[in-house]
Amino acid sequence: MSLGKLLAIAGYFAMSTGNCLALTEEEYLKYIDAEASKLSEPSTSPVPRSDAVENLEAKDAAQLSQKEFEQLLKAKAKGTYSFYESLMEKDKAEVYKYYAGGASMQQIRRMIINRKMNR
């Protein structure tokens, strides 16, 4: 934090002890703008559109490629997908094979967590 901001905050606390407002509305808004400018936009990776997800869900599990399975998993269970993403390739292939064999999404999620925790 810059020295000016630290002084502004210190002044605010010094003045507020007497139960009076240290910052004017304009100073407060400037402070908020300065803090907001420090924040960056969160990086987002493109997520399949809902109609694309619906098309993937409409397909039989055995008809989905591994890439399509990954898109579906990412759209339906982002947290589980982040675990899946960190798995070794052989584990990813095993999860996909299990899904293509007819496993439910709940079973897939459990399998991914187990692989992540090395059970």
PDB file of N, CA and C in Angstrom:
ATOM      1  N   MET A   1       0.854  -1.161   0.000  1.00  0.00           N
ATOM      2  CA  MET A   1       0.000   0.000   0.000  1.00  0.00           C
ATOM      3  C   MET A   1       0.904   1.230   0.000  1.00  0.00           C
ATOM      4  N   SER A   2       0.508   2.255  -0.731  1.00  0.00           N
ATOM      5  CA  SER A   2       1.351   3.443  -0.830  1.00  0.00           C
ATOM      6  C   SER A   2       1.290   4.257   0.457  1.00  0.00           C
ATOM      7  N   LEU A   3       2.279   5.124   0.614  1.00  0.00           N
ATOM      8  CA  LEU A   3       2.372   5.951   1.809  1.00  0.00           C
ATOM      9  C   LEU A   3       1.156   6.863   1.941  1.00  0.00           C
ATOM     10  N   GLY A   4       0.697   7.409   0.812  1.00  0.00           N
ATOM     11  CA  GLY A   4      -0.478   8.286   0.857  1.00  0.00           C
ATOM     12  C   GLY A   4      -1.716   7.568   1.369  1.00  0.00           C
ATOM     13  N   LYS A   5      -1.895   6.352   0.915  1.00  0.00           N
ATOM     14  CA  LYS A   5      -3.059   5.573   1.361  1.00  0.00           C
ATOM     15  C   LYS A   5      -2.942   5.225   2.832  1.00  0.00           C
ATOM     16  N   LEU A   6      -1.718   4.878   3.256  1.00  0.00           N
ATOM     17  CA  LEU A   6      -1.517   4.568   4.670  1.00  0.00           C
ATOM     18  C   LEU A   6      -1.812   5.786   5.543  1.00  0.00           C
ATOM     19  N   LEU A   7      -1.362   6.959   5.087  1.00  0.00           N
ATOM     20  CA  LEU A   7      -1.643   8.179   5.844  1.00  0.00           C
ATOM     21  C   LEU A   7      -3.136   8.484   5.875  1.00  0.00           C
ATOM     22  N   ALA A   8      -3.821   8.244   4.742  1.00  0.00           N
ATOM     23  CA  ALA A   8      -5.262   8.473   4.691  1.00  0.00           C
ATOM     24  C   ALA A   8      -5.989   7.551   5.670  1.00  0.00           C
ATOM     25  N   ILE A   9      -5.563   6.297   5.701  1.00  0.00           N
ATOM     26  CA  ILE A   9      -6.196   5.335   6.606  1.00  0.00           C
ATOM     27  C   ILE A   9      -5.892   5.707   8.061  1.00  0.00           C
ATOM     28  N   ALA A  10      -4.631   6.074   8.337  1.00  0.00           N
ATOM     29  CA  ALA A  10      -4.265   6.463   9.697  1.00  0.00           C
ATOM     30  C   ALA A  10      -5.055   7.691  10.131  1.00  0.00           C
ATOM     31  N   GLY A  11      -5.217   8.644   9.214  1.00  0.00           N
ATOM     32  CA  GLY A  11      -6.016   9.834   9.519  1.00  0.00           C
ATOM     33  C   GLY A  11      -7.457   9.485   9.804  1.00  0.00           C
ATOM     34  N   TYR A  12      -7.986   8.556   9.034  1.00  0.00           N
ATOM     35  CA  TYR A  12      -9.363   8.132   9.230  1.00  0.00           C
ATOM     36  C   TYR A  12      -9.549   7.553  10.629  1.00  0.00           C
ATOM     37  N   PHE A  13      -8.644   6.657  11.014  1.00  0.00           N
ATOM     38  CA  PHE A  13      -8.768   6.034  12.331  1.00  0.00           C
ATOM     39  C   PHE A  13      -8.556   7.050  13.458  1.00  0.00           C
ATOM     40  N   ALA A  14      -7.645   7.995  13.258  1.00  0.00           N
ATOM     41  CA  ALA A  14      -7.406   9.013  14.282  1.00  0.00           C
ATOM     42  C   ALA A  14      -8.638   9.893  14.468  1.00  0.00           C
ATOM     43  N   MET A  15      -9.265  10.252  13.376  1.00  0.00           N
ATOM     44  CA  MET A  15     -10.440  11.133  13.458  1.00  0.00           C
ATOM     45  C   MET A  15     -11.691  10.377  13.908  1.00  0.00           C
ATOM     46  N   SER A  16     -11.767   9.100  13.567  1.00  0.00           N
ATOM     47  CA  SER A  16     -12.983   8.357  13.895  1.00  0.00           C
ATOM     48  C   SER A  16     -13.067   8.005  15.372  1.00  0.00           C
ATOM     49  N   THR A  17     -11.958   8.130  16.102  1.00  0.00           N
ATOM     50  CA  THR A  17     -12.026   7.832  17.531  1.00  0.00           C
ATOM     51  C   THR A  17     -12.902   8.827  18.269  1.00  0.00           C
ATOM     52  N   GLY A  18     -13.011  10.019  17.720  1.00  0.00           N
ATOM     53  CA  GLY A  18     -13.884  11.030  18.311  1.00  0.00           C
ATOM     54  C   GLY A  18     -15.303  10.938  17.778  1.00  0.00           C
ATOM     55  N   ASN A  19     -15.624   9.821  17.134  1.00  0.00           N
ATOM     56  CA  ASN A  19     -16.946   9.554  16.600  1.00  0.00           C
ATOM     57  C   ASN A  19     -17.341  10.521  15.495  1.00  0.00           C
ATOM     58  N   CYS A  20     -16.350  11.008  14.730  1.00  0.00           N
ATOM     59  CA  CYS A  20     -16.654  11.867  13.591  1.00  0.00           C
ATOM     60  C   CYS A  20     -16.051  11.233  12.343  1.00  0.00           C
ATOM     61  N   LEU A  21     -16.582  11.567  11.193  1.00  0.00           N
ATOM     62  CA  LEU A  21     -16.158  10.974   9.939  1.00  0.00           C
ATOM     63  C   LEU A  21     -14.942  11.707   9.399  1.00  0.00           C
ATOM     64  N   ALA A  22     -13.833  10.978   9.193  1.00  0.00           N
ATOM     65  CA  ALA A  22     -12.574  11.594   8.769  1.00  0.00           C
ATOM     66  C   ALA A  22     -12.548  11.842   7.265  1.00  0.00           C
ATOM     67  N   LEU A  23     -13.125  10.959   6.487  1.00  0.00           N
ATOM     68  CA  LEU A  23     -13.081  11.092   5.037  1.00  0.00           C
ATOM     69  C   LEU A  23     -14.378  11.683   4.519  1.00  0.00           C
ATOM     70  N   THR A  24     -14.245  12.604   3.594  1.00  0.00           N
ATOM     71  CA  THR A  24     -15.451  13.112   2.936  1.00  0.00           C
ATOM     72  C   THR A  24     -15.935  12.046   1.973  1.00  0.00           C
ATOM     73  N   GLU A  25     -17.103  12.238   1.469  1.00  0.00           N
ATOM     74  CA  GLU A  25     -17.658  11.270   0.531  1.00  0.00           C
ATOM     75  C   GLU A  25     -16.771  11.163  -0.707  1.00  0.00           C
ATOM     76  N   GLU A  26     -16.261  12.289  -1.168  1.00  0.00           N
ATOM     77  CA  GLU A  26     -15.402  12.291  -2.352  1.00  0.00           C
ATOM     78  C   GLU A  26     -14.092  11.543  -2.084  1.00  0.00           C
ATOM     79  N   GLU A  27     -13.489  11.759  -0.921  1.00  0.00           N
ATOM     80  CA  GLU A  27     -12.256  11.057  -0.566  1.00  0.00           C
ATOM     81  C   GLU A  27     -12.499   9.561  -0.450  1.00  0.00           C
ATOM     82  N   TYR A  28     -13.651   9.208   0.127  1.00  0.00           N
ATOM     83  CA  TYR A  28     -13.999   7.800   0.277  1.00  0.00           C
ATOM     84  C   TYR A  28     -14.135   7.126  -1.092  1.00  0.00           C
ATOM     85  N   LEU A  29     -14.811   7.794  -2.027  1.00  0.00           N
ATOM     86  CA  LEU A  29     -14.985   7.226  -3.363  1.00  0.00           C
ATOM     87  C   LEU A  29     -13.645   7.091  -4.080  1.00  0.00           C
ATOM     88  N   LYS A  30     -12.757   8.072  -3.893  1.00  0.00           N
ATOM     89  CA  LYS A  30     -11.425   7.969  -4.488  1.00  0.00           C
ATOM     90  C   LYS A  30     -10.671   6.777  -3.909  1.00  0.00           C
ATOM     91  N   TYR A  31     -10.805   6.578  -2.615  1.00  0.00           N
ATOM     92  CA  TYR A  31     -10.148   5.444  -1.961  1.00  0.00           C
ATOM     93  C   TYR A  31     -10.684   4.122  -2.516  1.00  0.00           C
ATOM     94  N   ILE A  32     -11.981   4.022  -2.650  1.00  0.00           N
ATOM     95  CA  ILE A  32     -12.602   2.802  -3.185  1.00  0.00           C
ATOM     96  C   ILE A  32     -12.129   2.563  -4.619  1.00  0.00           C
ATOM     97  N   ASP A  33     -12.084   3.613  -5.439  1.00  0.00           N
ATOM     98  CA  ASP A  33     -11.605   3.470  -6.818  1.00  0.00           C
ATOM     99  C   ASP A  33     -10.160   2.995  -6.854  1.00  0.00           C
ATOM    100  N   ALA A  34      -9.333   3.533  -5.972  1.00  0.00           N
ATOM    101  CA  ALA A  34      -7.926   3.123  -5.932  1.00  0.00           C
ATOM    102  C   ALA A  34      -7.812   1.649  -5.568  1.00  0.00           C
ATOM    103  N   GLU A  35      -8.594   1.203  -4.604  1.00  0.00           N
ATOM    104  CA  GLU A  35      -8.563  -0.208  -4.206  1.00  0.00           C
ATOM    105  C   GLU A  35      -9.079  -1.103  -5.338  1.00  0.00           C
ATOM    106  N   ALA A  36     -10.135  -0.642  -6.009  1.00  0.00           N
ATOM    107  CA  ALA A  36     -10.709  -1.442  -7.098  1.00  0.00           C
ATOM    108  C   ALA A  36      -9.748  -1.550  -8.269  1.00  0.00           C
ATOM    109  N   SER A  37      -8.947  -0.532  -8.493  1.00  0.00           N
ATOM    110  CA  SER A  37      -8.009  -0.584  -9.614  1.00  0.00           C
ATOM    111  C   SER A  37      -6.922  -1.620  -9.383  1.00  0.00           C
ATOM    112  N   LYS A  38      -6.703  -2.018  -8.147  1.00  0.00           N
ATOM    113  CA  LYS A  38      -5.712  -3.051  -7.843  1.00  0.00           C
ATOM    114  C   LYS A  38      -6.204  -4.439  -8.245  1.00  0.00           C
ATOM    115  N   LEU A  39      -7.506  -4.585  -8.295  1.00  0.00           N
ATOM    116  CA  LEU A  39      -8.076  -5.883  -8.629  1.00  0.00           C
ATOM    117  C   LEU A  39      -7.990  -6.110 -10.126  1.00  0.00           C
ATOM    118  N   SER A  40      -7.715  -7.324 -10.510  1.00  0.00           N
ATOM    119  CA  SER A  40      -7.673  -7.639 -11.928  1.00  0.00           C
ATOM    120  C   SER A  40      -8.876  -8.508 -12.266  1.00  0.00           C
ATOM    121  N   GLU A  41      -9.189  -8.532 -13.522  1.00  0.00           N
ATOM    122  CA  GLU A  41     -10.277  -9.379 -13.986  1.00  0.00           C
ATOM    123  C   GLU A  41      -9.876 -10.834 -13.785  1.00  0.00           C
ATOM    124  N   PRO A  42     -10.765 -11.671 -13.284  1.00  0.00           N
ATOM    125  CA  PRO A  42     -10.413 -13.081 -13.148  1.00  0.00           C
ATOM    126  C   PRO A  42     -10.261 -13.711 -14.523  1.00  0.00           C
ATOM    127  N   SER A  43      -9.252 -14.551 -14.650  1.00  0.00           N
ATOM    128  CA  SER A  43      -9.067 -15.226 -15.938  1.00  0.00           C
ATOM    129  C   SER A  43     -10.062 -16.376 -16.015  1.00  0.00           C
ATOM    130  N   THR A  44     -10.775 -16.415 -17.099  1.00  0.00           N
ATOM    131  CA  THR A  44     -11.761 -17.471 -17.276  1.00  0.00           C
ATOM    132  C   THR A  44     -11.443 -18.212 -18.555  1.00  0.00           C
ATOM    133  N   SER A  45     -11.508 -19.498 -18.471  1.00  0.00           N
ATOM    134  CA  SER A  45     -11.340 -20.291 -19.675  1.00  0.00           C
ATOM    135  C   SER A  45     -12.712 -20.498 -20.295  1.00  0.00           C
ATOM    136  N   PRO A  46     -12.768 -20.594 -21.595  1.00  0.00           N
ATOM    137  CA  PRO A  46     -14.073 -20.728 -22.233  1.00  0.00           C
ATOM    138  C   PRO A  46     -14.780 -22.005 -21.801  1.00  0.00           C
ATOM    139  N   VAL A  47     -16.006 -21.858 -21.385  1.00  0.00           N
ATOM    140  CA  VAL A  47     -16.834 -22.983 -20.968  1.00  0.00           C
ATOM    141  C   VAL A  47     -17.827 -23.246 -22.091  1.00  0.00           C
ATOM    142  N   PRO A  48     -18.065 -24.501 -22.413  1.00  0.00           N
ATOM    143  CA  PRO A  48     -19.001 -24.783 -23.491  1.00  0.00           C
ATOM    144  C   PRO A  48     -20.365 -24.137 -23.234  1.00  0.00           C
ATOM    145  N   ARG A  49     -20.986 -23.663 -24.283  1.00  0.00           N
ATOM    146  CA  ARG A  49     -22.311 -23.054 -24.144  1.00  0.00           C
ATOM    147  C   ARG A  49     -23.308 -24.109 -23.697  1.00  0.00           C
ATOM    148  N   SER A  50     -24.400 -23.661 -23.125  1.00  0.00           N
ATOM    149  CA  SER A  50     -25.370 -24.602 -22.569  1.00  0.00           C
ATOM    150  C   SER A  50     -25.953 -25.522 -23.640  1.00  0.00           C
ATOM    151  N   ASP A  51     -26.154 -25.002 -24.881  1.00  0.00           N
ATOM    152  CA  ASP A  51     -26.689 -25.882 -25.925  1.00  0.00           C
ATOM    153  C   ASP A  51     -25.660 -26.933 -26.326  1.00  0.00           C
ATOM    154  N   ALA A  52     -24.380 -26.580 -26.261  1.00  0.00           N
ATOM    155  CA  ALA A  52     -23.340 -27.568 -26.543  1.00  0.00           C
ATOM    156  C   ALA A  52     -23.328 -28.642 -25.455  1.00  0.00           C
ATOM    157  N   VAL A  53     -23.521 -28.218 -24.208  1.00  0.00           N
ATOM    158  CA  VAL A  53     -23.565 -29.173 -23.098  1.00  0.00           C
ATOM    159  C   VAL A  53     -24.778 -30.079 -23.245  1.00  0.00           C
ATOM    160  N   GLU A  54     -25.899 -29.498 -23.629  1.00  0.00           N
ATOM    161  CA  GLU A  54     -27.106 -30.307 -23.836  1.00  0.00           C
ATOM    162  C   GLU A  54     -26.885 -31.339 -24.931  1.00  0.00           C
ATOM    163  N   ASN A  55     -26.181 -30.955 -25.994  1.00  0.00           N
ATOM    164  CA  ASN A  55     -25.877 -31.908 -27.069  1.00  0.00           C
ATOM    165  C   ASN A  55     -24.993 -33.033 -26.558  1.00  0.00           C
ATOM    166  N   LEU A  56     -24.035 -32.690 -25.711  1.00  0.00           N
ATOM    167  CA  LEU A  56     -23.151 -33.724 -25.147  1.00  0.00           C
ATOM    168  C   LEU A  56     -23.923 -34.649 -24.224  1.00  0.00           C
ATOM    169  N   GLU A  57     -24.837 -34.077 -23.430  1.00  0.00           N
ATOM    170  CA  GLU A  57     -25.627 -34.898 -22.512  1.00  0.00           C
ATOM    171  C   GLU A  57     -26.574 -35.820 -23.269  1.00  0.00           C
ATOM    172  N   ALA A  58     -27.024 -35.374 -24.443  1.00  0.00           N
ATOM    173  CA  ALA A  58     -27.963 -36.171 -25.221  1.00  0.00           C
ATOM    174  C   ALA A  58     -27.285 -37.401 -25.836  1.00  0.00           C
ATOM    175  N   LYS A  59     -25.991 -37.304 -26.044  1.00  0.00           N
ATOM    176  CA  LYS A  59     -25.263 -38.437 -26.617  1.00  0.00           C
ATOM    177  C   LYS A  59     -25.124 -39.553 -25.580  1.00  0.00           C
ATOM    178  N   ASP A  60     -25.024 -40.766 -26.075  1.00  0.00           N
ATOM    179  CA  ASP A  60     -24.738 -41.908 -25.210  1.00  0.00           C
ATOM    180  C   ASP A  60     -23.295 -41.787 -24.734  1.00  0.00           C
ATOM    181  N   ALA A  61     -23.024 -42.187 -23.515  1.00  0.00           N
ATOM    182  CA  ALA A  61     -21.684 -42.059 -22.939  1.00  0.00           C
ATOM    183  C   ALA A  61     -20.628 -42.733 -23.799  1.00  0.00           C
ATOM    184  N   ALA A  62     -20.964 -43.852 -24.405  1.00  0.00           N
ATOM    185  CA  ALA A  62     -20.008 -44.585 -25.231  1.00  0.00           C
ATOM    186  C   ALA A  62     -19.674 -43.833 -26.522  1.00  0.00           C
ATOM    187  N   GLN A  63     -20.532 -42.902 -26.917  1.00  0.00           N
ATOM    188  CA  GLN A  63     -20.311 -42.154 -28.154  1.00  0.00           C
ATOM    189  C   GLN A  63     -19.439 -40.922 -27.953  1.00  0.00           C
ATOM    190  N   LEU A  64     -19.229 -40.511 -26.707  1.00  0.00           N
ATOM    191  CA  LEU A  64     -18.432 -39.313 -26.440  1.00  0.00           C
ATOM    192  C   LEU A  64     -16.938 -39.610 -26.543  1.00  0.00           C
ATOM    193  N   SER A  65     -16.229 -38.698 -27.165  1.00  0.00           N
ATOM    194  CA  SER A  65     -14.768 -38.808 -27.162  1.00  0.00           C
ATOM    195  C   SER A  65     -14.274 -38.368 -25.784  1.00  0.00           C
ATOM    196  N   GLN A  66     -13.002 -38.590 -25.508  1.00  0.00           N
ATOM    197  CA  GLN A  66     -12.463 -38.175 -24.218  1.00  0.00           C
ATOM    198  C   GLN A  66     -12.529 -36.656 -24.080  1.00  0.00           C
ATOM    199  N   LYS A  67     -12.267 -35.945 -25.159  1.00  0.00           N
ATOM    200  CA  LYS A  67     -12.330 -34.477 -25.122  1.00  0.00           C
ATOM    201  C   LYS A  67     -13.755 -34.003 -24.824  1.00  0.00           C
ATOM    202  N   GLU A  68     -14.746 -34.629 -25.441  1.00  0.00           N
ATOM    203  CA  GLU A  68     -16.140 -34.266 -25.176  1.00  0.00           C
ATOM    204  C   GLU A  68     -16.520 -34.592 -23.735  1.00  0.00           C
ATOM    205  N   PHE A  69     -16.043 -35.739 -23.246  1.00  0.00           N
ATOM    206  CA  PHE A  69     -16.285 -36.097 -21.851  1.00  0.00           C
ATOM    207  C   PHE A  69     -15.719 -35.033 -20.927  1.00  0.00           C
ATOM    208  N   GLU A  70     -14.515 -34.554 -21.222  1.00  0.00           N
ATOM    209  CA  GLU A  70     -13.881 -33.523 -20.400  1.00  0.00           C
ATOM    210  C   GLU A  70     -14.683 -32.224 -20.433  1.00  0.00           C
ATOM    211  N   GLN A  71     -15.214 -31.854 -21.600  1.00  0.00           N
ATOM    212  CA  GLN A  71     -16.051 -30.655 -21.699  1.00  0.00           C
ATOM    213  C   GLN A  71     -17.316 -30.808 -20.854  1.00  0.00           C
ATOM    214  N   LEU A  72     -17.913 -31.969 -20.911  1.00  0.00           N
ATOM    215  CA  LEU A  72     -19.120 -32.230 -20.129  1.00  0.00           C
ATOM    216  C   LEU A  72     -18.820 -32.189 -18.637  1.00  0.00           C
ATOM    217  N   LEU A  73     -17.732 -32.814 -18.229  1.00  0.00           N
ATOM    218  CA  LEU A  73     -17.337 -32.809 -16.820  1.00  0.00           C
ATOM    219  C   LEU A  73     -17.068 -31.385 -16.345  1.00  0.00           C
ATOM    220  N   LYS A  74     -16.402 -30.604 -17.162  1.00  0.00           N
ATOM    221  CA  LYS A  74     -16.089 -29.220 -16.802  1.00  0.00           C
ATOM    222  C   LYS A  74     -17.364 -28.399 -16.640  1.00  0.00           C
ATOM    223  N   ALA A  75     -18.336 -28.634 -17.505  1.00  0.00           N
ATOM    224  CA  ALA A  75     -19.596 -27.882 -17.446  1.00  0.00           C
ATOM    225  C   ALA A  75     -20.468 -28.313 -16.266  1.00  0.00           C
ATOM    226  N   LYS A  76     -20.447 -29.594 -15.943  1.00  0.00           N
ATOM    227  CA  LYS A  76     -21.344 -30.107 -14.906  1.00  0.00           C
ATOM    228  C   LYS A  76     -20.736 -30.097 -13.510  1.00  0.00           C
ATOM    229  N   ALA A  77     -19.407 -30.235 -13.406  1.00  0.00           N
ATOM    230  CA  ALA A  77     -18.763 -30.342 -12.090  1.00  0.00           C
ATOM    231  C   ALA A  77     -17.377 -29.709 -12.156  1.00  0.00           C
ATOM    232  N   LYS A  78     -17.339 -28.392 -12.036  1.00  0.00           N
ATOM    233  CA  LYS A  78     -16.073 -27.672 -12.184  1.00  0.00           C
ATOM    234  C   LYS A  78     -15.024 -28.088 -11.154  1.00  0.00           C
ATOM    235  N   GLY A  79     -15.442 -28.282  -9.920  1.00  0.00           N
ATOM    236  CA  GLY A  79     -14.502 -28.684  -8.879  1.00  0.00           C
ATOM    237  C   GLY A  79     -13.899 -30.045  -9.163  1.00  0.00           C
ATOM    238  N   THR A  80     -14.725 -30.979  -9.562  1.00  0.00           N
ATOM    239  CA  THR A  80     -14.240 -32.312  -9.892  1.00  0.00           C
ATOM    240  C   THR A  80     -13.338 -32.240 -11.120  1.00  0.00           C
ATOM    241  N   TYR A  81     -13.697 -31.380 -12.071  1.00  0.00           N
ATOM    242  CA  TYR A  81     -12.865 -31.226 -13.263  1.00  0.00           C
ATOM    243  C   TYR A  81     -11.471 -30.721 -12.895  1.00  0.00           C
ATOM    244  N   SER A  82     -11.388 -29.833 -11.921  1.00  0.00           N
ATOM    245  CA  SER A  82     -10.067 -29.330 -11.528  1.00  0.00           C
ATOM    246  C   SER A  82      -9.222 -30.459 -10.931  1.00  0.00           C
ATOM    247  N   PHE A  83      -9.849 -31.386 -10.211  1.00  0.00           N
ATOM    248  CA  PHE A  83      -9.130 -32.561  -9.721  1.00  0.00           C
ATOM    249  C   PHE A  83      -8.719 -33.436 -10.906  1.00  0.00           C
ATOM    250  N   TYR A  84      -9.668 -33.659 -11.814  1.00  0.00           N
ATOM    251  CA  TYR A  84      -9.422 -34.491 -12.992  1.00  0.00           C
ATOM    252  C   TYR A  84      -8.245 -33.949 -13.796  1.00  0.00           C
ATOM    253  N   GLU A  85      -8.200 -32.645 -13.945  1.00  0.00           N
ATOM    254  CA  GLU A  85      -7.158 -31.988 -14.729  1.00  0.00           C
ATOM    255  C   GLU A  85      -5.758 -32.277 -14.177  1.00  0.00           C
ATOM    256  N   SER A  86      -5.669 -32.460 -12.868  1.00  0.00           N
ATOM    257  CA  SER A  86      -4.363 -32.676 -12.243  1.00  0.00           C
ATOM    258  C   SER A  86      -3.945 -34.151 -12.223  1.00  0.00           C
ATOM    259  N   LEU A  87      -4.801 -35.033 -12.694  1.00  0.00           N
ATOM    260  CA  LEU A  87      -4.458 -36.459 -12.722  1.00  0.00           C
ATOM    261  C   LEU A  87      -3.434 -36.763 -13.813  1.00  0.00           C
ATOM    262  N   MET A  88      -2.744 -37.861 -13.647  1.00  0.00           N
ATOM    263  CA  MET A  88      -1.833 -38.331 -14.690  1.00  0.00           C
ATOM    264  C   MET A  88      -2.676 -38.828 -15.865  1.00  0.00           C
ATOM    265  N   GLU A  89      -2.075 -38.827 -17.047  1.00  0.00           N
ATOM    266  CA  GLU A  89      -2.807 -39.202 -18.266  1.00  0.00           C
ATOM    267  C   GLU A  89      -3.398 -40.608 -18.187  1.00  0.00           C
ATOM    268  N   LYS A  90      -2.680 -41.544 -17.583  1.00  0.00           N
ATOM    269  CA  LYS A  90      -3.211 -42.914 -17.488  1.00  0.00           C
ATOM    270  C   LYS A  90      -4.459 -42.956 -16.607  1.00  0.00           C
ATOM    271  N   ASP A  91      -4.482 -42.138 -15.559  1.00  0.00           N
ATOM    272  CA  ASP A  91      -5.665 -42.076 -14.698  1.00  0.00           C
ATOM    273  C   ASP A  91      -6.830 -41.418 -15.424  1.00  0.00           C
ATOM    274  N   LYS A  92      -6.538 -40.373 -16.201  1.00  0.00           N
ATOM    275  CA  LYS A  92      -7.593 -39.724 -16.991  1.00  0.00           C
ATOM    276  C   LYS A  92      -8.209 -40.715 -17.972  1.00  0.00           C
ATOM    277  N   ALA A  93      -7.350 -41.500 -18.626  1.00  0.00           N
ATOM    278  CA  ALA A  93      -7.841 -42.493 -19.582  1.00  0.00           C
ATOM    279  C   ALA A  93      -8.700 -43.542 -18.885  1.00  0.00           C
ATOM    280  N   GLU A  94      -8.303 -43.931 -17.691  1.00  0.00           N
ATOM    281  CA  GLU A  94      -9.069 -44.917 -16.925  1.00  0.00           C
ATOM    282  C   GLU A  94     -10.437 -44.364 -16.526  1.00  0.00           C
ATOM    283  N   VAL A  95     -10.470 -43.102 -16.109  1.00  0.00           N
ATOM    284  CA  VAL A  95     -11.735 -42.465 -15.740  1.00  0.00           C
ATOM    285  C   VAL A  95     -12.654 -42.393 -16.954  1.00  0.00           C
ATOM    286  N   TYR A  96     -12.095 -41.980 -18.086  1.00  0.00           N
ATOM    287  CA  TYR A  96     -12.896 -41.884 -19.314  1.00  0.00           C
ATOM    288  C   TYR A  96     -13.440 -43.255 -19.713  1.00  0.00           C
ATOM    289  N   LYS A  97     -12.604 -44.277 -19.631  1.00  0.00           N
ATOM    290  CA  LYS A  97     -13.033 -45.638 -19.991  1.00  0.00           C
ATOM    291  C   LYS A  97     -14.173 -46.100 -19.081  1.00  0.00           C
ATOM    292  N   TYR A  98     -14.080 -45.779 -17.806  1.00  0.00           N
ATOM    293  CA  TYR A  98     -15.118 -46.135 -16.842  1.00  0.00           C
ATOM    294  C   TYR A  98     -16.421 -45.415 -17.182  1.00  0.00           C
ATOM    295  N   TYR A  99     -16.310 -44.137 -17.565  1.00  0.00           N
ATOM    296  CA  TYR A  99     -17.500 -43.364 -17.950  1.00  0.00           C
ATOM    297  C   TYR A  99     -18.117 -43.933 -19.219  1.00  0.00           C
ATOM    298  N   ALA A 100     -17.283 -44.218 -20.210  1.00  0.00           N
ATOM    299  CA  ALA A 100     -17.780 -44.765 -21.475  1.00  0.00           C
ATOM    300  C   ALA A 100     -18.420 -46.130 -21.272  1.00  0.00           C
ATOM    301  N   GLY A 101     -18.022 -46.816 -20.212  1.00  0.00           N
ATOM    302  CA  GLY A 101     -18.594 -48.120 -19.892  1.00  0.00           C
ATOM    303  C   GLY A 101     -19.952 -48.036 -19.208  1.00  0.00           C
ATOM    304  N   GLY A 102     -20.401 -46.817 -18.912  1.00  0.00           N
ATOM    305  CA  GLY A 102     -21.742 -46.665 -18.354  1.00  0.00           C
ATOM    306  C   GLY A 102     -21.809 -46.175 -16.919  1.00  0.00           C
ATOM    307  N   ALA A 103     -20.690 -45.768 -16.353  1.00  0.00           N
ATOM    308  CA  ALA A 103     -20.696 -45.278 -14.968  1.00  0.00           C
ATOM    309  C   ALA A 103     -21.451 -43.950 -14.879  1.00  0.00           C
ATOM    310  N   SER A 104     -22.112 -43.750 -13.758  1.00  0.00           N
ATOM    311  CA  SER A 104     -22.840 -42.492 -13.545  1.00  0.00           C
ATOM    312  C   SER A 104     -21.860 -41.366 -13.227  1.00  0.00           C
ATOM    313  N   MET A 105     -22.324 -40.135 -13.333  1.00  0.00           N
ATOM    314  CA  MET A 105     -21.465 -38.993 -13.037  1.00  0.00           C
ATOM    315  C   MET A 105     -21.032 -39.019 -11.570  1.00  0.00           C
ATOM    316  N   GLN A 106     -21.901 -39.489 -10.685  1.00  0.00           N
ATOM    317  CA  GLN A 106     -21.536 -39.587  -9.268  1.00  0.00           C
ATOM    318  C   GLN A 106     -20.392 -40.594  -9.080  1.00  0.00           C
ATOM    319  N   GLN A 107     -20.467 -41.709  -9.760  1.00  0.00           N
ATOM    320  CA  GLN A 107     -19.400 -42.702  -9.679  1.00  0.00           C
ATOM    321  C   GLN A 107     -18.098 -42.144 -10.253  1.00  0.00           C
ATOM    322  N   ILE A 108     -18.207 -41.387 -11.318  1.00  0.00           N
ATOM    323  CA  ILE A 108     -17.034 -40.773 -11.941  1.00  0.00           C
ATOM    324  C   ILE A 108     -16.391 -39.786 -10.979  1.00  0.00           C
ATOM    325  N   ARG A 109     -17.218 -38.971 -10.359  1.00  0.00           N
ATOM    326  CA  ARG A 109     -16.700 -37.986  -9.413  1.00  0.00           C
ATOM    327  C   ARG A 109     -15.962 -38.676  -8.262  1.00  0.00           C
ATOM    328  N   ARG A 110     -16.550 -39.732  -7.749  1.00  0.00           N
ATOM    329  CA  ARG A 110     -15.913 -40.473  -6.655  1.00  0.00           C
ATOM    330  C   ARG A 110     -14.591 -41.083  -7.114  1.00  0.00           C
ATOM    331  N   MET A 111     -14.578 -41.623  -8.328  1.00  0.00           N
ATOM    332  CA  MET A 111     -13.364 -42.225  -8.865  1.00  0.00           C
ATOM    333  C   MET A 111     -12.249 -41.181  -9.018  1.00  0.00           C
ATOM    334  N   ILE A 112     -12.600 -40.004  -9.505  1.00  0.00           N
ATOM    335  CA  ILE A 112     -11.613 -38.930  -9.673  1.00  0.00           C
ATOM    336  C   ILE A 112     -11.030 -38.529  -8.326  1.00  0.00           C
ATOM    337  N   ILE A 113     -11.877 -38.370  -7.350  1.00  0.00           N
ATOM    338  CA  ILE A 113     -11.399 -37.989  -6.010  1.00  0.00           C
ATOM    339  C   ILE A 113     -10.504 -39.085  -5.449  1.00  0.00           C
ATOM    340  N   ASN A 114     -10.900 -40.327  -5.613  1.00  0.00           N
ATOM    341  CA  ASN A 114     -10.062 -41.438  -5.135  1.00  0.00           C
ATOM    342  C   ASN A 114      -8.709 -41.448  -5.823  1.00  0.00           C
ATOM    343  N   ARG A 115      -8.683 -41.223  -7.143  1.00  0.00           N
ATOM    344  CA  ARG A 115      -7.414 -41.180  -7.863  1.00  0.00           C
ATOM    345  C   ARG A 115      -6.566 -40.006  -7.389  1.00  0.00           C
ATOM    346  N   LYS A 116      -7.204 -38.884  -7.122  1.00  0.00           N
ATOM    347  CA  LYS A 116      -6.479 -37.704  -6.665  1.00  0.00           C
ATOM    348  C   LYS A 116      -5.867 -37.955  -5.292  1.00  0.00           C
ATOM    349  N   MET A 117      -6.589 -38.657  -4.451  1.00  0.00           N
ATOM    350  CA  MET A 117      -6.111 -38.942  -3.101  1.00  0.00           C
ATOM    351  C   MET A 117      -5.271 -40.222  -3.045  1.00  0.00           C
ATOM    352  N   ASN A 118      -5.022 -40.803  -4.201  1.00  0.00           N
ATOM    353  CA  ASN A 118      -4.202 -42.024  -4.334  1.00  0.00           C
ATOM    354  C   ASN A 118      -4.726 -43.196  -3.524  1.00  0.00           C
ATOM    355  N   ARG A 119      -6.019 -43.414  -3.586  1.00  0.00           N
ATOM    356  CA  ARG A 119      -6.615 -44.567  -2.888  1.00  0.00           C
ATOM    357  C   ARG A 119      -6.740 -45.728  -3.811  1.00  0.00           C
TER     358      ARG A 119
END
